[in-house]
Every structure is written in structure tokens, then in C-alpha cells.
Amino acid sequence: MDRTKRFGLGSFSLVLFLVSSILLFASDKGYNSAGEYLLKLVGLNVHELVIIVPLLLVAVFLARKFPTHFFSKSGLISSSILLGFILTLALIDLILRFIGLF
């Protein structure tokens, strides 16, 4: 029985998580995130979460599909935590807008 892990598509889940994190959190001195800058550069007028959430969903899918690949579990856990964080904040914002506080 081969117990060694190998690199594969499941390993790509951690890379997708890191790219998503950079697009979401990295910013310049003007407080524009890297995702906003990249979307302005391409010419798209959408929020950066439109790109980040699908990237995280693909990372979770790849990690679940290939659980024996190297870095697959860490990509799954990290992506799930960030995705849960984003969805929780979106739900809180939706509730606050619904009751009219902001």
C-alpha cells in the first residue's frame, strides 16, 4: 500500500485559496484591494467577491475530489473557513439592511 502523498489537482486547492486571499486582503496605500485593481485593469465593473467566491468554491471542490493529494486538506480547511467568513458577513449585512439599520 502506497502511503505517500503526491502533487495533483487537489494540491491546487491551496493555491486557489492563496490567490483568493491576496485578491481579497492585499491592498495599496489608497486602500484599493488587489481584486478591485485587477477588475478595473480588465475593465469589469463588478465586486471582487464575484471572482473570489467561485475561486473558493472550486478550491473546496478540488480538495474534496482529490483528498489524497498533497496540501489538499489544508486547502480545504482554509478555503472553507474563508468562505464561511464571507458568507457570514454577507448574511449579517443582509439582515442589517433588511431591518433598516444601515
PDB file of N, CA and C in Angstrom:
ATOM      1  N   MET A   1       0.841  -1.182   0.000  1.00  0.00           N
ATOM      2  CA  MET A   1       0.000   0.000   0.000  1.00  0.00           C
ATOM      3  C   MET A   1       0.884   1.242   0.000  1.00  0.00           C
ATOM      4  N   ASP A   2       0.601   2.133  -0.909  1.00  0.00           N
ATOM      5  CA  ASP A   2       1.385   3.358  -1.051  1.00  0.00           C
ATOM      6  C   ASP A   2       0.788   4.438  -0.157  1.00  0.00           C
ATOM      7  N   ARG A   3       1.551   4.883   0.827  1.00  0.00           N
ATOM      8  CA  ARG A   3       1.046   5.878   1.779  1.00  0.00           C
ATOM      9  C   ARG A   3       1.600   7.277   1.522  1.00  0.00           C
ATOM     10  N   THR A   4       2.363   7.451   0.478  1.00  0.00           N
ATOM     11  CA  THR A   4       2.921   8.771   0.192  1.00  0.00           C
ATOM     12  C   THR A   4       1.904   9.604  -0.563  1.00  0.00           C
ATOM     13  N   LYS A   5       1.889  10.879  -0.253  1.00  0.00           N
ATOM     14  CA  LYS A   5       1.006  11.803  -0.963  1.00  0.00           C
ATOM     15  C   LYS A   5       1.747  12.339  -2.177  1.00  0.00           C
ATOM     16  N   ARG A   6       0.985  12.679  -3.195  1.00  0.00           N
ATOM     17  CA  ARG A   6       1.595  13.209  -4.406  1.00  0.00           C
ATOM     18  C   ARG A   6       0.907  14.514  -4.787  1.00  0.00           C
ATOM     19  N   PHE A   7       1.598  15.291  -5.585  1.00  0.00           N
ATOM     20  CA  PHE A   7       1.013  16.533  -6.083  1.00  0.00           C
ATOM     21  C   PHE A   7       0.033  16.211  -7.200  1.00  0.00           C
ATOM     22  N   GLY A   8      -1.042  16.976  -7.252  1.00  0.00           N
ATOM     23  CA  GLY A   8      -2.057  16.783  -8.281  1.00  0.00           C
ATOM     24  C   GLY A   8      -3.039  17.934  -8.259  1.00  0.00           C
ATOM     25  N   LEU A   9      -4.226  17.690  -8.779  1.00  0.00           N
ATOM     26  CA  LEU A   9      -5.235  18.748  -8.819  1.00  0.00           C
ATOM     27  C   LEU A   9      -5.687  19.152  -7.422  1.00  0.00           C
ATOM     28  N   GLY A  10      -5.686  18.228  -6.473  1.00  0.00           N
ATOM     29  CA  GLY A  10      -6.051  18.560  -5.104  1.00  0.00           C
ATOM     30  C   GLY A  10      -5.072  19.529  -4.469  1.00  0.00           C
ATOM     31  N   SER A  11      -3.825  19.489  -4.892  1.00  0.00           N
ATOM     32  CA  SER A  11      -2.810  20.414  -4.382  1.00  0.00           C
ATOM     33  C   SER A  11      -3.090  21.836  -4.839  1.00  0.00           C
ATOM     34  N   PHE A  12      -3.810  21.963  -5.938  1.00  0.00           N
ATOM     35  CA  PHE A  12      -4.130  23.277  -6.493  1.00  0.00           C
ATOM     36  C   PHE A  12      -5.123  24.036  -5.622  1.00  0.00           C
ATOM     37  N   SER A  13      -5.806  23.325  -4.703  1.00  0.00           N
ATOM     38  CA  SER A  13      -6.798  23.991  -3.850  1.00  0.00           C
ATOM     39  C   SER A  13      -6.143  25.006  -2.914  1.00  0.00           C
ATOM     40  N   LEU A  14      -4.963  24.712  -2.409  1.00  0.00           N
ATOM     41  CA  LEU A  14      -4.268  25.671  -1.555  1.00  0.00           C
ATOM     42  C   LEU A  14      -3.824  26.893  -2.359  1.00  0.00           C
ATOM     43  N   VAL A  15      -3.409  26.667  -3.597  1.00  0.00           N
ATOM     44  CA  VAL A  15      -3.013  27.784  -4.463  1.00  0.00           C
ATOM     45  C   VAL A  15      -4.211  28.696  -4.738  1.00  0.00           C
ATOM     46  N   LEU A  16      -5.368  28.094  -4.998  1.00  0.00           N
ATOM     47  CA  LEU A  16      -6.575  28.895  -5.225  1.00  0.00           C
ATOM     48  C   LEU A  16      -6.959  29.683  -3.978  1.00  0.00           C
ATOM     49  N   PHE A  17      -6.794  29.074  -2.799  1.00  0.00           N
ATOM     50  CA  PHE A  17      -7.073  29.788  -1.562  1.00  0.00           C
ATOM     51  C   PHE A  17      -6.131  30.977  -1.408  1.00  0.00           C
ATOM     52  N   LEU A  18      -4.850  30.788  -1.686  1.00  0.00           N
ATOM     53  CA  LEU A  18      -3.888  31.878  -1.552  1.00  0.00           C
ATOM     54  C   LEU A  18      -4.176  33.006  -2.539  1.00  0.00           C
ATOM     55  N   VAL A  19      -4.538  32.677  -3.767  1.00  0.00           N
ATOM     56  CA  VAL A  19      -4.882  33.700  -4.756  1.00  0.00           C
ATOM     57  C   VAL A  19      -6.120  34.463  -4.308  1.00  0.00           C
ATOM     58  N   SER A  20      -7.123  33.745  -3.804  1.00  0.00           N
ATOM     59  CA  SER A  20      -8.340  34.395  -3.314  1.00  0.00           C
ATOM     60  C   SER A  20      -8.039  35.324  -2.145  1.00  0.00           C
ATOM     61  N   SER A  21      -7.175  34.881  -1.240  1.00  0.00           N
ATOM     62  CA  SER A  21      -6.818  35.708  -0.088  1.00  0.00           C
ATOM     63  C   SER A  21      -6.088  36.967  -0.511  1.00  0.00           C
ATOM     64  N   ILE A  22      -5.200  36.835  -1.476  1.00  0.00           N
ATOM     65  CA  ILE A  22      -4.473  38.010  -1.966  1.00  0.00           C
ATOM     66  C   ILE A  22      -5.429  38.988  -2.638  1.00  0.00           C
ATOM     67  N   LEU A  23      -6.346  38.465  -3.451  1.00  0.00           N
ATOM     68  CA  LEU A  23      -7.310  39.338  -4.114  1.00  0.00           C
ATOM     69  C   LEU A  23      -8.226  40.038  -3.125  1.00  0.00           C
ATOM     70  N   LEU A  24      -8.511  39.382  -1.998  1.00  0.00           N
ATOM     71  CA  LEU A  24      -9.438  39.947  -1.021  1.00  0.00           C
ATOM     72  C   LEU A  24      -8.758  40.900  -0.046  1.00  0.00           C
ATOM     73  N   PHE A  25      -7.590  40.531   0.459  1.00  0.00           N
ATOM     74  CA  PHE A  25      -6.992  41.276   1.572  1.00  0.00           C
ATOM     75  C   PHE A  25      -5.849  42.207   1.207  1.00  0.00           C
ATOM     76  N   ALA A  26      -5.084  41.917   0.160  1.00  0.00           N
ATOM     77  CA  ALA A  26      -3.943  42.761  -0.190  1.00  0.00           C
ATOM     78  C   ALA A  26      -4.436  44.091  -0.742  1.00  0.00           C
ATOM     79  N   SER A  27      -3.868  45.179  -0.252  1.00  0.00           N
ATOM     80  CA  SER A  27      -4.307  46.500  -0.714  1.00  0.00           C
ATOM     81  C   SER A  27      -3.109  47.434  -0.838  1.00  0.00           C
ATOM     82  N   ASP A  28      -3.324  48.497  -1.568  1.00  0.00           N
ATOM     83  CA  ASP A  28      -2.279  49.504  -1.713  1.00  0.00           C
ATOM     84  C   ASP A  28      -2.532  50.641  -0.735  1.00  0.00           C
ATOM     85  N   LYS A  29      -1.788  51.718  -0.866  1.00  0.00           N
ATOM     86  CA  LYS A  29      -1.926  52.835   0.066  1.00  0.00           C
ATOM     87  C   LYS A  29      -3.239  53.579  -0.110  1.00  0.00           C
ATOM     88  N   GLY A  30      -3.884  53.437  -1.263  1.00  0.00           N
ATOM     89  CA  GLY A  30      -5.183  54.060  -1.497  1.00  0.00           C
ATOM     90  C   GLY A  30      -6.328  53.197  -1.020  1.00  0.00           C
ATOM     91  N   TYR A  31      -6.019  52.115  -0.329  1.00  0.00           N
ATOM     92  CA  TYR A  31      -6.988  51.175   0.242  1.00  0.00           C
ATOM     93  C   TYR A  31      -7.840  50.472  -0.805  1.00  0.00           C
ATOM     94  N   ASN A  32      -7.340  50.347  -2.022  1.00  0.00           N
ATOM     95  CA  ASN A  32      -7.989  49.532  -3.031  1.00  0.00           C
ATOM     96  C   ASN A  32      -7.418  48.123  -2.924  1.00  0.00           C
ATOM     97  N   SER A  33      -8.290  47.116  -2.895  1.00  0.00           N
ATOM     98  CA  SER A  33      -7.789  45.747  -2.805  1.00  0.00           C
ATOM     99  C   SER A  33      -7.222  45.324  -4.152  1.00  0.00           C
ATOM    100  N   ALA A  34      -6.447  44.274  -4.129  1.00  0.00           N
ATOM    101  CA  ALA A  34      -5.852  43.772  -5.364  1.00  0.00           C
ATOM    102  C   ALA A  34      -6.932  43.303  -6.329  1.00  0.00           C
ATOM    103  N   GLY A  35      -8.030  42.769  -5.786  1.00  0.00           N
ATOM    104  CA  GLY A  35      -9.138  42.346  -6.630  1.00  0.00           C
ATOM    105  C   GLY A  35      -9.790  43.507  -7.347  1.00  0.00           C
ATOM    106  N   GLU A  36      -9.997  44.615  -6.630  1.00  0.00           N
ATOM    107  CA  GLU A  36     -10.569  45.813  -7.262  1.00  0.00           C
ATOM    108  C   GLU A  36      -9.648  46.340  -8.354  1.00  0.00           C
ATOM    109  N   TYR A  37      -8.346  46.375  -8.069  1.00  0.00           N
ATOM    110  CA  TYR A  37      -7.379  46.865  -9.045  1.00  0.00           C
ATOM    111  C   TYR A  37      -7.375  45.986 -10.294  1.00  0.00           C
ATOM    112  N   LEU A  38      -7.391  44.662 -10.092  1.00  0.00           N
ATOM    113  CA  LEU A  38      -7.366  43.732 -11.218  1.00  0.00           C
ATOM    114  C   LEU A  38      -8.634  43.852 -12.060  1.00  0.00           C
ATOM    115  N   LEU A  39      -9.774  43.991 -11.411  1.00  0.00           N
ATOM    116  CA  LEU A  39     -11.027  44.124 -12.161  1.00  0.00           C
ATOM    117  C   LEU A  39     -11.094  45.448 -12.916  1.00  0.00           C
ATOM    118  N   LYS A  40     -10.564  46.526 -12.329  1.00  0.00           N
ATOM    119  CA  LYS A  40     -10.515  47.805 -13.042  1.00  0.00           C
ATOM    120  C   LYS A  40      -9.568  47.713 -14.235  1.00  0.00           C
ATOM    121  N   LEU A  41      -8.467  46.974 -14.061  1.00  0.00           N
ATOM    122  CA  LEU A  41      -7.496  46.811 -15.137  1.00  0.00           C
ATOM    123  C   LEU A  41      -8.106  46.059 -16.317  1.00  0.00           C
ATOM    124  N   VAL A  42      -8.907  45.043 -16.023  1.00  0.00           N
ATOM    125  CA  VAL A  42      -9.562  44.258 -17.068  1.00  0.00           C
ATOM    126  C   VAL A  42     -10.751  45.012 -17.650  1.00  0.00           C
ATOM    127  N   GLY A  43     -11.338  45.907 -16.871  1.00  0.00           N
ATOM    128  CA  GLY A  43     -12.458  46.700 -17.348  1.00  0.00           C
ATOM    129  C   GLY A  43     -13.813  46.178 -16.892  1.00  0.00           C
ATOM    130  N   LEU A  44     -13.837  45.293 -15.915  1.00  0.00           N
ATOM    131  CA  LEU A  44     -15.097  44.784 -15.388  1.00  0.00           C
ATOM    132  C   LEU A  44     -15.569  45.663 -14.243  1.00  0.00           C
ATOM    133  N   ASN A  45     -16.858  45.903 -14.197  1.00  0.00           N
ATOM    134  CA  ASN A  45     -17.421  46.748 -13.151  1.00  0.00           C
ATOM    135  C   ASN A  45     -18.275  45.888 -12.211  1.00  0.00           C
ATOM    136  N   VAL A  46     -17.629  44.916 -11.546  1.00  0.00           N
ATOM    137  CA  VAL A  46     -18.306  44.041 -10.585  1.00  0.00           C
ATOM    138  C   VAL A  46     -17.509  44.047  -9.289  1.00  0.00           C
ATOM    139  N   HIS A  47     -18.136  43.561  -8.231  1.00  0.00           N
ATOM    140  CA  HIS A  47     -17.459  43.476  -6.941  1.00  0.00           C
ATOM    141  C   HIS A  47     -16.470  42.312  -6.976  1.00  0.00           C
ATOM    142  N   GLU A  48     -15.372  42.435  -6.251  1.00  0.00           N
ATOM    143  CA  GLU A  48     -14.348  41.386  -6.298  1.00  0.00           C
ATOM    144  C   GLU A  48     -14.822  40.063  -5.713  1.00  0.00           C
ATOM    145  N   LEU A  49     -15.859  40.078  -4.901  1.00  0.00           N
ATOM    146  CA  LEU A  49     -16.389  38.829  -4.354  1.00  0.00           C
ATOM    147  C   LEU A  49     -17.007  37.946  -5.426  1.00  0.00           C
ATOM    148  N   VAL A  50     -17.382  38.547  -6.559  1.00  0.00           N
ATOM    149  CA  VAL A  50     -17.918  37.772  -7.673  1.00  0.00           C
ATOM    150  C   VAL A  50     -16.833  36.848  -8.240  1.00  0.00           C
ATOM    151  N   ILE A  51     -15.590  37.216  -8.090  1.00  0.00           N
ATOM    152  CA  ILE A  51     -14.477  36.389  -8.540  1.00  0.00           C
ATOM    153  C   ILE A  51     -13.972  35.491  -7.406  1.00  0.00           C
ATOM    154  N   ILE A  52     -13.933  35.998  -6.195  1.00  0.00           N
ATOM    155  CA  ILE A  52     -13.331  35.291  -5.070  1.00  0.00           C
ATOM    156  C   ILE A  52     -14.162  34.092  -4.625  1.00  0.00           C
ATOM    157  N   VAL A  53     -15.473  34.247  -4.523  1.00  0.00           N
ATOM    158  CA  VAL A  53     -16.327  33.149  -4.050  1.00  0.00           C
ATOM    159  C   VAL A  53     -16.269  31.940  -4.995  1.00  0.00           C
ATOM    160  N   PRO A  54     -16.370  32.115  -6.315  1.00  0.00           N
ATOM    161  CA  PRO A  54     -16.213  30.933  -7.180  1.00  0.00           C
ATOM    162  C   PRO A  54     -14.832  30.281  -7.082  1.00  0.00           C
ATOM    163  N   LEU A  55     -13.787  31.093  -6.913  1.00  0.00           N
ATOM    164  CA  LEU A  55     -12.450  30.510  -6.732  1.00  0.00           C
ATOM    165  C   LEU A  55     -12.397  29.643  -5.480  1.00  0.00           C
ATOM    166  N   LEU A  56     -13.004  30.120  -4.402  1.00  0.00           N
ATOM    167  CA  LEU A  56     -13.025  29.336  -3.166  1.00  0.00           C
ATOM    168  C   LEU A  56     -13.879  28.080  -3.310  1.00  0.00           C
ATOM    169  N   LEU A  57     -14.979  28.174  -4.029  1.00  0.00           N
ATOM    170  CA  LEU A  57     -15.814  27.001  -4.257  1.00  0.00           C
ATOM    171  C   LEU A  57     -15.085  25.948  -5.092  1.00  0.00           C
ATOM    172  N   VAL A  58     -14.332  26.386  -6.089  1.00  0.00           N
ATOM    173  CA  VAL A  58     -13.524  25.446  -6.886  1.00  0.00           C
ATOM    174  C   VAL A  58     -12.442  24.812  -6.017  1.00  0.00           C
ATOM    175  N   ALA A  59     -11.851  25.590  -5.118  1.00  0.00           N
ATOM    176  CA  ALA A  59     -10.825  25.050  -4.214  1.00  0.00           C
ATOM    177  C   ALA A  59     -11.405  23.983  -3.298  1.00  0.00           C
ATOM    178  N   VAL A  60     -12.600  24.231  -2.772  1.00  0.00           N
ATOM    179  CA  VAL A  60     -13.252  23.241  -1.910  1.00  0.00           C
ATOM    180  C   VAL A  60     -13.596  21.994  -2.712  1.00  0.00           C
ATOM    181  N   PHE A  61     -14.102  22.172  -3.936  1.00  0.00           N
ATOM    182  CA  PHE A  61     -14.444  21.033  -4.775  1.00  0.00           C
ATOM    183  C   PHE A  61     -13.217  20.179  -5.090  1.00  0.00           C
ATOM    184  N   LEU A  62     -12.116  20.819  -5.474  1.00  0.00           N
ATOM    185  CA  LEU A  62     -10.904  20.071  -5.807  1.00  0.00           C
ATOM    186  C   LEU A  62     -10.347  19.331  -4.595  1.00  0.00           C
ATOM    187  N   ALA A  63     -10.397  19.961  -3.448  1.00  0.00           N
ATOM    188  CA  ALA A  63      -9.876  19.327  -2.238  1.00  0.00           C
ATOM    189  C   ALA A  63     -10.730  18.129  -1.830  1.00  0.00           C
ATOM    190  N   ARG A  64     -12.027  18.219  -2.027  1.00  0.00           N
ATOM    191  CA  ARG A  64     -12.903  17.084  -1.698  1.00  0.00           C
ATOM    192  C   ARG A  64     -12.798  15.981  -2.730  1.00  0.00           C
ATOM    193  N   LYS A  65     -12.586  16.331  -3.970  1.00  0.00           N
ATOM    194  CA  LYS A  65     -12.491  15.345  -5.042  1.00  0.00           C
ATOM    195  C   LYS A  65     -11.185  14.555  -4.971  1.00  0.00           C
ATOM    196  N   PHE A  66     -10.114  15.214  -4.565  1.00  0.00           N
ATOM    197  CA  PHE A  66      -8.795  14.575  -4.502  1.00  0.00           C
ATOM    198  C   PHE A  66      -8.211  14.704  -3.093  1.00  0.00           C
ATOM    199  N   PRO A  67      -8.751  13.992  -2.108  1.00  0.00           N
ATOM    200  CA  PRO A  67      -8.303  14.169  -0.719  1.00  0.00           C
ATOM    201  C   PRO A  67      -6.921  13.586  -0.419  1.00  0.00           C
ATOM    202  N   THR A  68      -6.394  12.761  -1.318  1.00  0.00           N
ATOM    203  CA  THR A  68      -5.090  12.146  -1.052  1.00  0.00           C
ATOM    204  C   THR A  68      -3.924  12.956  -1.595  1.00  0.00           C
ATOM    205  N   HIS A  69      -4.204  14.047  -2.285  1.00  0.00           N
ATOM    206  CA  HIS A  69      -3.123  14.855  -2.838  1.00  0.00           C
ATOM    207  C   HIS A  69      -2.517  15.762  -1.771  1.00  0.00           C
ATOM    208  N   PHE A  70      -1.258  16.116  -1.994  1.00  0.00           N
ATOM    209  CA  PHE A  70      -0.502  16.950  -1.076  1.00  0.00           C
ATOM    210  C   PHE A  70      -1.143  18.329  -0.976  1.00  0.00           C
ATOM    211  N   PHE A  71      -1.269  18.879   0.221  1.00  0.00           N
ATOM    212  CA  PHE A  71      -1.861  20.187   0.531  1.00  0.00           C
ATOM    213  C   PHE A  71      -3.366  20.251   0.289  1.00  0.00           C
ATOM    214  N   SER A  72      -3.993  19.133  -0.008  1.00  0.00           N
ATOM    215  CA  SER A  72      -5.424  19.134  -0.269  1.00  0.00           C
ATOM    216  C   SER A  72      -6.230  19.445   0.987  1.00  0.00           C
ATOM    217  N   LYS A  73      -5.859  18.838   2.094  1.00  0.00           N
ATOM    218  CA  LYS A  73      -6.610  19.051   3.338  1.00  0.00           C
ATOM    219  C   LYS A  73      -6.452  20.482   3.846  1.00  0.00           C
ATOM    220  N   SER A  74      -5.253  21.024   3.773  1.00  0.00           N
ATOM    221  CA  SER A  74      -5.065  22.405   4.232  1.00  0.00           C
ATOM    222  C   SER A  74      -5.786  23.396   3.321  1.00  0.00           C
ATOM    223  N   GLY A  75      -5.848  23.114   2.027  1.00  0.00           N
ATOM    224  CA  GLY A  75      -6.605  23.958   1.115  1.00  0.00           C
ATOM    225  C   GLY A  75      -8.097  23.884   1.386  1.00  0.00           C
ATOM    226  N   LEU A  76      -8.586  22.676   1.730  1.00  0.00           N
ATOM    227  CA  LEU A  76      -9.999  22.507   2.048  1.00  0.00           C
ATOM    228  C   LEU A  76     -10.382  23.260   3.313  1.00  0.00           C
ATOM    229  N   ILE A  77      -9.592  23.122   4.348  1.00  0.00           N
ATOM    230  CA  ILE A  77      -9.901  23.777   5.621  1.00  0.00           C
ATOM    231  C   ILE A  77      -9.808  25.292   5.482  1.00  0.00           C
ATOM    232  N   SER A  78      -8.750  25.780   4.871  1.00  0.00           N
ATOM    233  CA  SER A  78      -8.561  27.227   4.719  1.00  0.00           C
ATOM    234  C   SER A  78      -9.655  27.849   3.853  1.00  0.00           C
ATOM    235  N   SER A  79      -9.968  27.202   2.745  1.00  0.00           N
ATOM    236  CA  SER A  79     -10.998  27.729   1.852  1.00  0.00           C
ATOM    237  C   SER A  79     -12.365  27.699   2.518  1.00  0.00           C
ATOM    238  N   SER A  80     -12.648  26.644   3.259  1.00  0.00           N
ATOM    239  CA  SER A  80     -13.936  26.549   3.939  1.00  0.00           C
ATOM    240  C   SER A  80     -14.086  27.629   5.004  1.00  0.00           C
ATOM    241  N   ILE A  81     -13.022  27.905   5.737  1.00  0.00           N
ATOM    242  CA  ILE A  81     -13.071  28.950   6.768  1.00  0.00           C
ATOM    243  C   ILE A  81     -13.289  30.318   6.136  1.00  0.00           C
ATOM    244  N   LEU A  82     -12.546  30.639   5.082  1.00  0.00           N
ATOM    245  CA  LEU A  82     -12.696  31.946   4.433  1.00  0.00           C
ATOM    246  C   LEU A  82     -14.067  32.074   3.772  1.00  0.00           C
ATOM    247  N   LEU A  83     -14.542  31.008   3.151  1.00  0.00           N
ATOM    248  CA  LEU A  83     -15.859  31.039   2.527  1.00  0.00           C
ATOM    249  C   LEU A  83     -16.953  31.208   3.581  1.00  0.00           C
ATOM    250  N   GLY A  84     -16.829  30.527   4.702  1.00  0.00           N
ATOM    251  CA  GLY A  84     -17.786  30.690   5.791  1.00  0.00           C
ATOM    252  C   GLY A  84     -17.759  32.098   6.363  1.00  0.00           C
ATOM    253  N   PHE A  85     -16.571  32.670   6.483  1.00  0.00           N
ATOM    254  CA  PHE A  85     -16.420  34.036   6.968  1.00  0.00           C
ATOM    255  C   PHE A  85     -17.110  35.029   6.032  1.00  0.00           C
ATOM    256  N   ILE A  86     -16.898  34.877   4.734  1.00  0.00           N
ATOM    257  CA  ILE A  86     -17.507  35.776   3.750  1.00  0.00           C
ATOM    258  C   ILE A  86     -19.031  35.634   3.766  1.00  0.00           C
ATOM    259  N   LEU A  87     -19.517  34.403   3.790  1.00  0.00           N
ATOM    260  CA  LEU A  87     -20.963  34.184   3.773  1.00  0.00           C
ATOM    261  C   LEU A  87     -21.625  34.666   5.064  1.00  0.00           C
ATOM    262  N   THR A  88     -20.937  34.517   6.198  1.00  0.00           N
ATOM    263  CA  THR A  88     -21.484  35.014   7.464  1.00  0.00           C
ATOM    264  C   THR A  88     -21.593  36.535   7.444  1.00  0.00           C
ATOM    265  N   LEU A  89     -20.566  37.199   6.962  1.00  0.00           N
ATOM    266  CA  LEU A  89     -20.614  38.662   6.881  1.00  0.00           C
ATOM    267  C   LEU A  89     -21.675  39.138   5.890  1.00  0.00           C
ATOM    268  N   ALA A  90     -21.845  38.405   4.794  1.00  0.00           N
ATOM    269  CA  ALA A  90     -22.874  38.769   3.829  1.00  0.00           C
ATOM    270  C   ALA A  90     -24.265  38.600   4.429  1.00  0.00           C
ATOM    271  N   LEU A  91     -24.461  37.550   5.207  1.00  0.00           N
ATOM    272  CA  LEU A  91     -25.751  37.325   5.855  1.00  0.00           C
ATOM    273  C   LEU A  91     -26.045  38.403   6.898  1.00  0.00           C
ATOM    274  N   ILE A  92     -25.041  38.773   7.680  1.00  0.00           N
ATOM    275  CA  ILE A  92     -25.215  39.844   8.666  1.00  0.00           C
ATOM    276  C   ILE A  92     -25.554  41.158   7.971  1.00  0.00           C
ATOM    277  N   ASP A  93     -24.870  41.461   6.868  1.00  0.00           N
ATOM    278  CA  ASP A  93     -25.154  42.679   6.118  1.00  0.00           C
ATOM    279  C   ASP A  93     -26.569  42.651   5.551  1.00  0.00           C
ATOM    280  N   LEU A  94     -27.000  41.514   5.055  1.00  0.00           N
ATOM    281  CA  LEU A  94     -28.353  41.390   4.524  1.00  0.00           C
ATOM    282  C   LEU A  94     -29.404  41.599   5.609  1.00  0.00           C
ATOM    283  N   ILE A  95     -29.176  41.031   6.784  1.00  0.00           N
ATOM    284  CA  ILE A  95     -30.116  41.200   7.893  1.00  0.00           C
ATOM    285  C   ILE A  95     -30.165  42.658   8.338  1.00  0.00           C
ATOM    286  N   LEU A  96     -29.008  43.309   8.448  1.00  0.00           N
ATOM    287  CA  LEU A  96     -28.988  44.713   8.854  1.00  0.00           C
ATOM    288  C   LEU A  96     -29.667  45.617   7.845  1.00  0.00           C
ATOM    289  N   ARG A  97     -29.494  45.331   6.561  1.00  0.00           N
ATOM    290  CA  ARG A  97     -30.173  46.125   5.541  1.00  0.00           C
ATOM    291  C   ARG A  97     -31.677  45.884   5.569  1.00  0.00           C
ATOM    292  N   PHE A  98     -32.078  44.654   5.863  1.00  0.00           N
ATOM    293  CA  PHE A  98     -33.494  44.313   5.903  1.00  0.00           C
ATOM    294  C   PHE A  98     -34.220  45.024   7.043  1.00  0.00           C
ATOM    295  N   ILE A  99     -33.578  45.087   8.199  1.00  0.00           N
ATOM    296  CA  ILE A  99     -34.251  45.747   9.320  1.00  0.00           C
ATOM    297  C   ILE A  99     -34.025  47.255   9.310  1.00  0.00           C
ATOM    298  N   GLY A 100     -33.221  47.742   8.381  1.00  0.00           N
ATOM    299  CA  GLY A 100     -33.101  49.174   8.162  1.00  0.00           C
ATOM    300  C   GLY A 100     -32.096  49.889   9.056  1.00  0.00           C
ATOM    301  N   LEU A 101     -31.105  49.190   9.580  1.00  0.00           N
ATOM    302  CA  LEU A 101     -30.128  49.876  10.422  1.00  0.00           C
ATOM    303  C   LEU A 101     -29.101  50.635   9.608  1.00  0.00           C
ATOM    304  N   PHE A 102     -28.767  50.148   8.421  1.00  0.00           N
ATOM    305  CA  PHE A 102     -27.759  50.824   7.609  1.00  0.00           C
ATOM    306  C   PHE A 102     -28.249  51.014   6.199  1.00  0.00           C
TER     307      PHE A 102
END
